[in-house]
Amino acid sequence: MNRIRVLAVACCLVLPSFAADARSSGKTGGACATPEQIQAAQLRQLHNQLQVAALNCRGEDSSLHAKWGGYVGRFGSTLSDNAQVLRTHFKSPAAFDRYNTQVTNRESVRVHEVDSYCETRAQMFDQVMQMSPPQLIAFAGQTVGRPDHMSDCAAPVTKAASKTPRHQQPKKNQTAQAN
């Protein structure tokens, strides 16, 4: 097994326990997030979406490995700054890691729930590679909306609102039933 598959299998085994720990503690990072931290979480969630696609969709699109490398090379500095903003919010490396794990785990489930997931993410790679760092940050905000597992200081989140799935495309049979 190559290293990426081993990593993917390990993540699948470990991620549910991290999510359970966060749920049992009742929080993912403590205090609510500032607008800058929300923006950083949106970018991190977009980053995790692309990362999950690069790992899970290679069978459908062999170009994703190269696209991932190009994306990381192009936006490495922006992503590093982004991680630093989130680390200040979460106060500890372990809390930041738990947050990343939760977001990535949720995205890993979407791979199997959303029709055309891989095709959509491949197109997203093409879009972001045409952007500047500020455009990428704005795109993340538009694409992600309210980030998973993070509350905004200005707008408290109710339990019902926090469990509402976002940005999922309907399955093909649901689309057909609607027509």
Protein backbone atom coordinates (compact mmCIF):
# COMPACT_ATOMS: atom_id res chain seq x y z
CA MET A 1 0.00 0.00 0.00
CA ASN A 2 1.38 3.40 -0.82
CA ARG A 3 1.79 6.09 1.83
CA ILE A 4 -1.30 8.06 0.82
CA ARG A 5 -3.56 5.02 1.15
CA VAL A 6 -2.05 4.14 4.50
CA LEU A 7 -2.63 7.72 5.67
CA ALA A 8 -6.21 7.67 4.39
CA VAL A 9 -6.95 4.39 6.17
CA ALA A 10 -5.37 5.66 9.38
CA CYS A 11 -7.44 8.84 9.22
CA CYS A 12 -10.63 6.84 8.75
CA LEU A 13 -9.82 4.82 11.85
CA VAL A 14 -8.82 7.78 14.03
CA LEU A 15 -11.16 10.56 12.90
CA PRO A 16 -14.35 9.27 14.54
CA SER A 17 -12.69 9.22 17.96
CA PHE A 18 -11.53 12.84 17.59
CA ALA A 19 -15.04 13.90 16.60
CA ALA A 20 -16.51 12.03 19.57
CA ASP A 21 -14.03 13.71 21.92
CA ALA A 22 -15.00 17.15 20.61
CA ARG A 23 -18.72 16.38 20.94
CA SER A 24 -18.32 15.08 24.47
CA SER A 25 -16.39 18.17 25.51
CA GLY A 26 -19.13 20.35 24.02
CA LYS A 27 -16.74 22.58 22.10
CA THR A 28 -14.14 22.60 19.36
CA GLY A 29 -11.99 25.47 20.34
CA GLY A 30 -13.63 27.40 23.09
CA ALA A 31 -14.72 30.94 22.46
CA CYS A 32 -16.63 32.21 19.49
CA ALA A 33 -14.67 33.37 16.47
CA THR A 34 -13.88 36.86 15.22
CA PRO A 35 -14.60 37.79 11.59
CA GLU A 36 -10.91 37.24 10.76
CA GLN A 37 -11.03 33.77 12.33
CA ILE A 38 -14.28 32.92 10.52
CA GLN A 39 -12.62 33.92 7.24
CA ALA A 40 -9.63 31.75 8.12
CA ALA A 41 -11.95 28.83 8.91
CA GLN A 42 -13.69 29.26 5.55
CA LEU A 43 -10.35 29.08 3.74
CA ARG A 44 -9.26 26.08 5.84
CA GLN A 45 -12.53 24.29 5.03
CA LEU A 46 -12.07 24.96 1.30
CA HIS A 47 -8.49 23.74 1.61
CA ASN A 48 -9.70 20.55 3.30
CA GLN A 49 -12.30 20.03 0.55
CA LEU A 50 -9.57 20.17 -2.08
CA GLN A 51 -7.30 17.92 -0.03
CA VAL A 52 -10.01 15.28 0.40
CA ALA A 53 -10.78 15.42 -3.31
CA ALA A 54 -7.11 15.03 -4.22
CA LEU A 55 -6.91 11.90 -2.06
CA ASN A 56 -10.28 10.35 -2.83
CA CYS A 57 -10.91 11.23 -6.46
CA ARG A 58 -7.63 10.23 -8.10
CA GLY A 59 -9.31 7.17 -9.59
CA GLU A 60 -11.79 9.36 -11.43
CA ASP A 61 -9.35 12.12 -12.36
CA SER A 62 -5.65 11.28 -12.40
CA SER A 63 -4.75 14.96 -12.79
CA LEU A 64 -5.83 15.76 -9.22
CA HIS A 65 -2.46 14.86 -7.72
CA ALA A 66 -0.72 17.44 -9.93
CA LYS A 67 -3.51 19.97 -9.31
CA TRP A 68 -3.09 19.53 -5.55
CA GLY A 69 0.66 20.08 -5.84
CA GLY A 70 0.11 23.21 -7.92
CA TYR A 71 -2.45 24.55 -5.48
CA VAL A 72 -0.22 24.00 -2.43
CA GLY A 73 2.75 25.52 -4.25
CA ARG A 74 0.79 28.57 -5.35
CA PHE A 75 -0.98 29.27 -2.06
CA GLY A 76 1.47 27.86 0.50
CA SER A 77 2.19 31.20 2.14
CA THR A 78 -1.51 32.10 2.30
CA LEU A 79 -2.31 28.70 3.82
CA SER A 80 0.46 29.08 6.38
CA ASP A 81 -0.88 32.50 7.43
CA ASN A 82 -4.36 31.00 7.54
CA ALA A 83 -3.24 28.20 9.86
CA GLN A 84 -1.61 30.73 12.18
CA VAL A 85 -4.85 32.71 12.53
CA LEU A 86 -6.72 29.52 13.41
CA ARG A 87 -4.05 28.42 15.89
CA THR A 88 -4.56 31.68 17.80
CA HIS A 89 -8.29 30.96 17.95
CA PHE A 90 -7.92 27.38 19.16
CA LYS A 91 -5.18 28.21 21.67
CA SER A 92 -3.45 24.81 21.44
CA PRO A 93 -2.08 22.61 18.68
CA ALA A 94 -4.30 19.74 19.86
CA ALA A 95 -7.47 21.85 19.59
CA PHE A 96 -6.46 23.07 16.12
CA ASP A 97 -5.77 19.48 15.07
CA ARG A 98 -9.17 18.35 16.39
CA TYR A 99 -10.86 21.11 14.42
CA ASN A 100 -9.04 20.13 11.21
CA THR A 101 -9.92 16.49 11.84
CA GLN A 102 -13.62 17.28 12.28
CA VAL A 103 -13.78 19.35 9.11
CA THR A 104 -11.85 16.79 7.09
CA ASN A 105 -13.92 13.90 8.44
CA ARG A 106 -17.15 15.64 7.47
CA GLU A 107 -15.78 16.31 3.99
CA SER A 108 -14.68 12.69 3.65
CA VAL A 109 -18.28 11.63 4.21
CA ARG A 110 -19.50 14.07 1.54
CA VAL A 111 -17.38 12.26 -1.06
CA HIS A 112 -19.82 9.36 -0.80
CA GLU A 113 -23.01 11.36 -0.30
CA VAL A 114 -22.81 13.93 -3.08
CA ASP A 115 -23.22 12.97 -6.73
CA SER A 116 -20.54 14.40 -9.03
CA TYR A 117 -18.39 15.23 -6.00
CA CYS A 118 -15.11 14.50 -7.78
CA GLU A 119 -16.11 16.31 -10.95
CA THR A 120 -17.19 19.38 -8.99
CA ARG A 121 -13.97 19.48 -6.96
CA ALA A 122 -11.82 19.02 -10.09
CA GLN A 123 -13.54 22.07 -11.55
CA MET A 124 -12.95 23.91 -8.28
CA PHE A 125 -9.21 23.19 -8.57
CA ASP A 126 -9.24 24.73 -12.04
CA GLN A 127 -11.06 27.81 -10.73
CA VAL A 128 -8.79 28.46 -7.77
CA MET A 129 -5.63 28.10 -9.83
CA GLN A 130 -6.72 31.20 -11.75
CA MET A 131 -7.08 33.25 -8.55
CA SER A 132 -4.83 35.48 -6.51
CA PRO A 133 -4.61 34.84 -2.75
CA PRO A 134 -7.19 37.56 -1.91
CA GLN A 135 -9.52 36.12 -4.55
CA LEU A 136 -9.07 32.63 -3.07
CA ILE A 137 -10.03 33.93 0.38
CA ALA A 138 -13.14 35.64 -1.04
CA PHE A 139 -14.03 32.51 -3.01
CA ALA A 140 -13.73 30.41 0.15
CA GLY A 141 -16.16 32.72 1.93
CA GLN A 142 -18.68 32.49 -0.91
CA THR A 143 -18.29 28.72 -1.32
CA VAL A 144 -18.23 27.65 2.31
CA GLY A 145 -20.54 30.15 3.97
CA ARG A 146 -20.64 29.53 7.73
CA PRO A 147 -17.76 27.15 8.43
CA ASP A 148 -18.39 23.80 10.10
CA HIS A 149 -17.78 23.52 13.84
CA MET A 150 -17.23 27.24 14.47
CA SER A 151 -19.54 29.92 15.82
CA ASP A 152 -19.41 33.62 15.04
CA CYS A 153 -19.22 35.98 18.02
CA ALA A 154 -21.71 38.31 16.36
CA ALA A 155 -24.32 35.62 15.64
CA PRO A 156 -24.77 32.81 18.17
CA VAL A 157 -25.64 29.49 16.56
CA THR A 158 -28.48 27.32 17.75
CA LYS A 159 -28.09 23.55 17.88
CA ALA A 160 -30.64 23.07 15.09
CA ALA A 161 -28.84 25.53 12.80
CA SER A 162 -25.45 23.99 13.44
CA LYS A 163 -26.63 20.56 12.28
CA THR A 164 -28.12 21.75 8.99
CA PRO A 165 -26.11 20.33 6.05
CA ARG A 166 -24.87 22.91 3.59
CA HIS A 167 -23.65 22.95 0.02
CA GLN A 168 -24.78 19.45 -0.80
CA GLN A 169 -25.98 18.71 -4.25
CA PRO A 170 -29.07 16.51 -4.43
CA LYS A 171 -28.64 12.91 -5.46
CA LYS A 172 -29.68 12.22 -9.04
CA ASN A 173 -32.86 10.39 -8.01
CA GLN A 174 -33.91 13.37 -5.84
CA THR A 175 -33.42 15.72 -8.79
CA ALA A 176 -35.49 13.47 -11.01
CA GLN A 177 -38.30 13.32 -8.44
CA ALA A 178 -38.38 17.11 -8.20
CA ASN A 179 -38.85 17.47 -11.98
